[in-house]
Structures are given as structure tokens and as C-alpha cells.
Amino acid sequence: MIDWTSRAVDGQDGLAPYRNKMAVLMSASPGSYGALRGLVHARAILGNIGVIVLPEQLAVGKAHEAFSLDGCTAPSTSAACSASRPQG
């Protein structure tokens, strides 16, 4: 989606739609890290195109166990969600 929306039209800056927009990063996966490693790359890409990325992020590991069928958090998975803050 970034590639498609960043194409310059009629001489306009292709990255203008992203500059000074705010974003929060979240991910979920069946693995124990919850796609946390991918958030590092997403943060770098978004920062490079002018998006203001909030420092807090959420990665939900074992997402298939973290939510019940109705989409609510499952009561037995108190450790399934982990908030992390980037270092540096």
C-alpha cells in the first residue's frame, strides 16, 4: 500500500500523504514473539517517509490462543500480550 499511494501525481510530492501523520504499531502472530521483529522494520520505513510513529507498540504472541472466538481476550492468556518499547 505504501508503494501505491506514494506515487507522485502531476508533479506533487509522492510522500506528502504520509508526512506528519501519526501511527501506532501493532502486530499479532501465532509465534511467541507476535511479529515483534517485523515492527522494527515497519517503524524504520514509516519514519523514513515522514510518519510520526508513537514509541509504544504492541505485539501479541500466540494470537490464536490470546483471543476467544468472539474476538475478546481469552481469560487464560494474561501473558499473551506484551508491550515493548524500542531501544535507542
N, C-alpha and C. Protein backbone atom coordinates (compact mmCIF):
# COMPACT_ATOMS: atom_id res chain seq x y z
N MET A 1 0.81 -1.17 0.00
CA MET A 1 0.00 0.00 0.00
C MET A 1 0.87 1.25 0.00
N ILE A 2 1.99 1.24 0.65
CA ILE A 2 2.85 2.43 0.67
C ILE A 2 3.31 2.76 -0.74
N ASP A 3 3.72 1.77 -1.50
CA ASP A 3 4.18 2.00 -2.86
C ASP A 3 3.09 2.63 -3.72
N TRP A 4 1.90 2.11 -3.64
CA TRP A 4 0.80 2.58 -4.48
C TRP A 4 0.43 4.02 -4.15
N THR A 5 0.33 4.35 -2.88
CA THR A 5 -0.10 5.70 -2.50
C THR A 5 1.03 6.71 -2.53
N SER A 6 2.27 6.25 -2.67
CA SER A 6 3.38 7.20 -2.69
C SER A 6 3.80 7.61 -4.09
N ARG A 7 3.06 7.19 -5.09
CA ARG A 7 3.40 7.58 -6.47
C ARG A 7 3.02 9.04 -6.71
N ALA A 8 3.99 9.77 -7.22
CA ALA A 8 3.77 11.20 -7.49
C ALA A 8 2.76 11.37 -8.62
N VAL A 9 1.86 12.32 -8.46
CA VAL A 9 0.85 12.61 -9.47
C VAL A 9 0.96 14.09 -9.82
N ASP A 10 1.06 14.40 -11.10
CA ASP A 10 1.11 15.78 -11.58
C ASP A 10 2.20 16.60 -10.88
N GLY A 11 3.35 16.00 -10.67
CA GLY A 11 4.48 16.72 -10.08
C GLY A 11 4.42 16.91 -8.58
N GLN A 12 3.40 16.39 -7.92
CA GLN A 12 3.29 16.52 -6.47
C GLN A 12 4.24 15.55 -5.79
N ASP A 13 4.62 15.87 -4.58
CA ASP A 13 5.47 15.00 -3.78
C ASP A 13 4.70 13.73 -3.44
N GLY A 14 5.23 12.59 -3.81
CA GLY A 14 4.55 11.32 -3.57
C GLY A 14 4.43 10.94 -2.11
N LEU A 15 5.29 11.51 -1.26
CA LEU A 15 5.23 11.16 0.16
C LEU A 15 4.39 12.14 0.98
N ALA A 16 3.84 13.13 0.35
CA ALA A 16 3.03 14.13 1.06
C ALA A 16 1.89 13.50 1.86
N PRO A 17 1.22 12.43 1.38
CA PRO A 17 0.14 11.86 2.19
C PRO A 17 0.59 11.28 3.53
N TYR A 18 1.87 11.05 3.70
CA TYR A 18 2.37 10.42 4.92
C TYR A 18 2.98 11.41 5.90
N ARG A 19 3.49 12.52 5.41
CA ARG A 19 4.21 13.44 6.27
C ARG A 19 3.34 13.96 7.41
N ASN A 20 3.94 13.89 8.61
CA ASN A 20 3.31 14.38 9.85
C ASN A 20 2.03 13.66 10.23
N LYS A 21 1.80 12.47 9.67
CA LYS A 21 0.69 11.64 10.13
C LYS A 21 1.19 10.81 11.31
N MET A 22 0.32 10.47 12.22
CA MET A 22 0.71 9.67 13.38
C MET A 22 0.32 8.22 13.17
N ALA A 23 1.14 7.33 13.71
CA ALA A 23 0.87 5.90 13.59
C ALA A 23 1.27 5.20 14.88
N VAL A 24 0.55 4.16 15.19
CA VAL A 24 0.91 3.27 16.29
C VAL A 24 1.10 1.89 15.67
N LEU A 25 2.07 1.14 16.16
CA LEU A 25 2.37 -0.16 15.59
C LEU A 25 1.84 -1.28 16.47
N MET A 26 1.16 -2.21 15.82
CA MET A 26 0.63 -3.39 16.50
C MET A 26 0.82 -4.58 15.58
N SER A 27 1.03 -5.74 16.17
CA SER A 27 1.15 -6.96 15.37
C SER A 27 0.66 -8.14 16.19
N ALA A 28 0.36 -9.21 15.49
CA ALA A 28 -0.07 -10.45 16.13
C ALA A 28 0.36 -11.61 15.24
N SER A 29 0.75 -12.69 15.86
CA SER A 29 1.12 -13.88 15.10
C SER A 29 0.99 -15.10 16.01
N PRO A 30 0.98 -16.29 15.43
CA PRO A 30 0.92 -17.49 16.25
C PRO A 30 2.24 -17.78 16.96
N GLY A 31 3.31 -17.14 16.56
CA GLY A 31 4.61 -17.34 17.21
C GLY A 31 4.66 -16.65 18.56
N SER A 32 5.67 -16.98 19.34
CA SER A 32 5.76 -16.43 20.69
C SER A 32 6.12 -14.95 20.73
N TYR A 33 6.73 -14.42 19.67
CA TYR A 33 7.11 -13.02 19.65
C TYR A 33 6.04 -12.11 19.06
N GLY A 34 5.02 -12.65 18.47
CA GLY A 34 3.92 -11.85 17.97
C GLY A 34 4.29 -10.90 16.84
N ALA A 35 5.21 -11.30 15.99
CA ALA A 35 5.68 -10.49 14.86
C ALA A 35 6.41 -9.24 15.31
N LEU A 36 6.97 -9.28 16.50
CA LEU A 36 7.69 -8.14 17.06
C LEU A 36 8.85 -7.71 16.17
N ARG A 37 9.55 -8.66 15.59
CA ARG A 37 10.70 -8.32 14.74
C ARG A 37 10.27 -7.51 13.51
N GLY A 38 9.10 -7.78 12.99
CA GLY A 38 8.61 -7.03 11.84
C GLY A 38 8.29 -5.58 12.17
N LEU A 39 7.94 -5.31 13.42
CA LEU A 39 7.63 -3.94 13.83
C LEU A 39 8.85 -3.04 13.72
N VAL A 40 10.03 -3.58 13.94
CA VAL A 40 11.26 -2.81 13.82
C VAL A 40 11.39 -2.25 12.40
N HIS A 41 11.14 -3.10 11.42
CA HIS A 41 11.25 -2.69 10.03
C HIS A 41 10.13 -1.72 9.65
N ALA A 42 8.93 -1.99 10.12
CA ALA A 42 7.81 -1.08 9.83
C ALA A 42 8.08 0.30 10.42
N ARG A 43 8.63 0.34 11.63
CA ARG A 43 8.96 1.62 12.27
C ARG A 43 9.99 2.39 11.43
N ALA A 44 11.00 1.71 10.95
CA ALA A 44 12.05 2.35 10.16
C ALA A 44 11.48 2.91 8.85
N ILE A 45 10.69 2.11 8.15
CA ILE A 45 10.12 2.54 6.88
C ILE A 45 9.20 3.73 7.07
N LEU A 46 8.30 3.64 8.03
CA LEU A 46 7.36 4.73 8.26
C LEU A 46 8.08 6.01 8.69
N GLY A 47 9.09 5.87 9.54
CA GLY A 47 9.86 7.03 9.96
C GLY A 47 10.58 7.69 8.80
N ASN A 48 11.09 6.89 7.88
CA ASN A 48 11.80 7.42 6.73
C ASN A 48 10.90 8.17 5.75
N ILE A 49 9.62 7.89 5.75
CA ILE A 49 8.73 8.61 4.83
C ILE A 49 7.96 9.73 5.53
N GLY A 50 8.37 10.04 6.76
CA GLY A 50 7.82 11.21 7.43
C GLY A 50 6.67 10.96 8.38
N VAL A 51 6.35 9.71 8.65
CA VAL A 51 5.27 9.39 9.59
C VAL A 51 5.81 9.53 11.02
N ILE A 52 5.02 10.09 11.90
CA ILE A 52 5.37 10.17 13.31
C ILE A 52 4.89 8.87 13.95
N VAL A 53 5.82 8.00 14.31
CA VAL A 53 5.47 6.71 14.88
C VAL A 53 5.58 6.80 16.40
N LEU A 54 4.48 6.53 17.07
CA LEU A 54 4.47 6.60 18.54
C LEU A 54 5.44 5.57 19.11
N PRO A 55 6.10 5.88 20.23
CA PRO A 55 7.12 4.97 20.77
C PRO A 55 6.57 3.66 21.32
N GLU A 56 5.34 3.66 21.83
CA GLU A 56 4.77 2.43 22.36
C GLU A 56 4.28 1.57 21.21
N GLN A 57 4.43 0.27 21.37
CA GLN A 57 3.92 -0.67 20.37
C GLN A 57 3.41 -1.91 21.09
N LEU A 58 2.62 -2.70 20.38
CA LEU A 58 2.02 -3.89 20.96
C LEU A 58 2.24 -5.07 20.03
N ALA A 59 2.75 -6.14 20.58
CA ALA A 59 2.92 -7.37 19.82
C ALA A 59 2.23 -8.49 20.59
N VAL A 60 1.29 -9.17 19.96
CA VAL A 60 0.54 -10.24 20.61
C VAL A 60 1.07 -11.58 20.10
N GLY A 61 1.77 -12.27 20.97
CA GLY A 61 2.27 -13.59 20.64
C GLY A 61 1.21 -14.65 20.90
N LYS A 62 1.32 -15.76 20.19
CA LYS A 62 0.34 -16.85 20.31
C LYS A 62 -1.08 -16.31 20.18
N ALA A 63 -1.26 -15.50 19.16
CA ALA A 63 -2.54 -14.81 18.97
C ALA A 63 -3.70 -15.78 18.83
N HIS A 64 -3.44 -16.94 18.31
CA HIS A 64 -4.51 -17.94 18.15
C HIS A 64 -5.02 -18.43 19.51
N GLU A 65 -4.23 -18.21 20.56
CA GLU A 65 -4.66 -18.58 21.91
C GLU A 65 -5.08 -17.36 22.72
N ALA A 66 -4.72 -16.17 22.26
CA ALA A 66 -4.94 -14.96 23.04
C ALA A 66 -6.36 -14.43 22.96
N PHE A 67 -7.12 -14.86 21.95
CA PHE A 67 -8.46 -14.34 21.76
C PHE A 67 -9.47 -15.48 21.69
N SER A 68 -10.64 -15.23 22.21
CA SER A 68 -11.72 -16.20 22.09
C SER A 68 -12.38 -16.05 20.72
N LEU A 69 -13.30 -16.92 20.39
CA LEU A 69 -13.94 -16.87 19.08
C LEU A 69 -14.72 -15.59 18.83
N ASP A 70 -15.17 -14.92 19.89
CA ASP A 70 -15.91 -13.68 19.71
C ASP A 70 -14.99 -12.46 19.63
N GLY A 71 -13.68 -12.67 19.65
CA GLY A 71 -12.73 -11.58 19.49
C GLY A 71 -12.25 -10.94 20.78
N CYS A 72 -12.79 -11.36 21.91
CA CYS A 72 -12.35 -10.83 23.20
C CYS A 72 -11.08 -11.55 23.64
N THR A 73 -10.35 -10.92 24.54
CA THR A 73 -9.16 -11.59 25.04
C THR A 73 -9.58 -12.78 25.88
N ALA A 74 -8.88 -13.87 25.69
CA ALA A 74 -9.18 -15.09 26.44
C ALA A 74 -8.69 -14.93 27.87
N PRO A 75 -9.47 -15.31 28.85
CA PRO A 75 -9.08 -15.11 30.25
C PRO A 75 -7.84 -15.88 30.68
N SER A 76 -7.52 -16.96 29.99
CA SER A 76 -6.37 -17.77 30.42
C SER A 76 -5.05 -17.33 29.80
N THR A 77 -5.04 -16.21 29.11
CA THR A 77 -3.82 -15.79 28.41
C THR A 77 -3.33 -14.44 28.90
N SER A 78 -3.15 -14.29 30.18
CA SER A 78 -2.73 -12.99 30.71
C SER A 78 -1.35 -12.58 30.21
N ALA A 79 -0.49 -13.53 29.84
CA ALA A 79 0.86 -13.20 29.37
C ALA A 79 0.94 -13.17 27.85
N ALA A 80 -0.18 -13.31 27.16
CA ALA A 80 -0.14 -13.38 25.69
C ALA A 80 0.21 -12.04 25.06
N CYS A 81 -0.17 -10.94 25.68
CA CYS A 81 0.12 -9.63 25.12
C CYS A 81 1.32 -9.04 25.83
N SER A 82 2.21 -8.45 25.05
CA SER A 82 3.38 -7.81 25.68
C SER A 82 3.63 -6.48 25.00
N ALA A 83 3.70 -5.44 25.81
CA ALA A 83 4.03 -4.12 25.27
C ALA A 83 5.54 -4.00 25.29
N SER A 84 6.08 -3.41 24.28
CA SER A 84 7.53 -3.23 24.24
C SER A 84 7.85 -1.86 23.73
N ARG A 85 8.96 -1.37 24.15
CA ARG A 85 9.42 -0.04 23.75
C ARG A 85 10.73 -0.21 23.01
N PRO A 86 10.89 0.43 21.86
CA PRO A 86 12.15 0.29 21.13
C PRO A 86 13.32 0.87 21.91
N GLN A 87 14.45 0.25 21.81
CA GLN A 87 15.66 0.70 22.50
C GLN A 87 16.40 1.69 21.61
N GLY A 88 16.93 2.72 22.23
CA GLY A 88 17.79 3.65 21.48
C GLY A 88 17.17 4.84 21.07
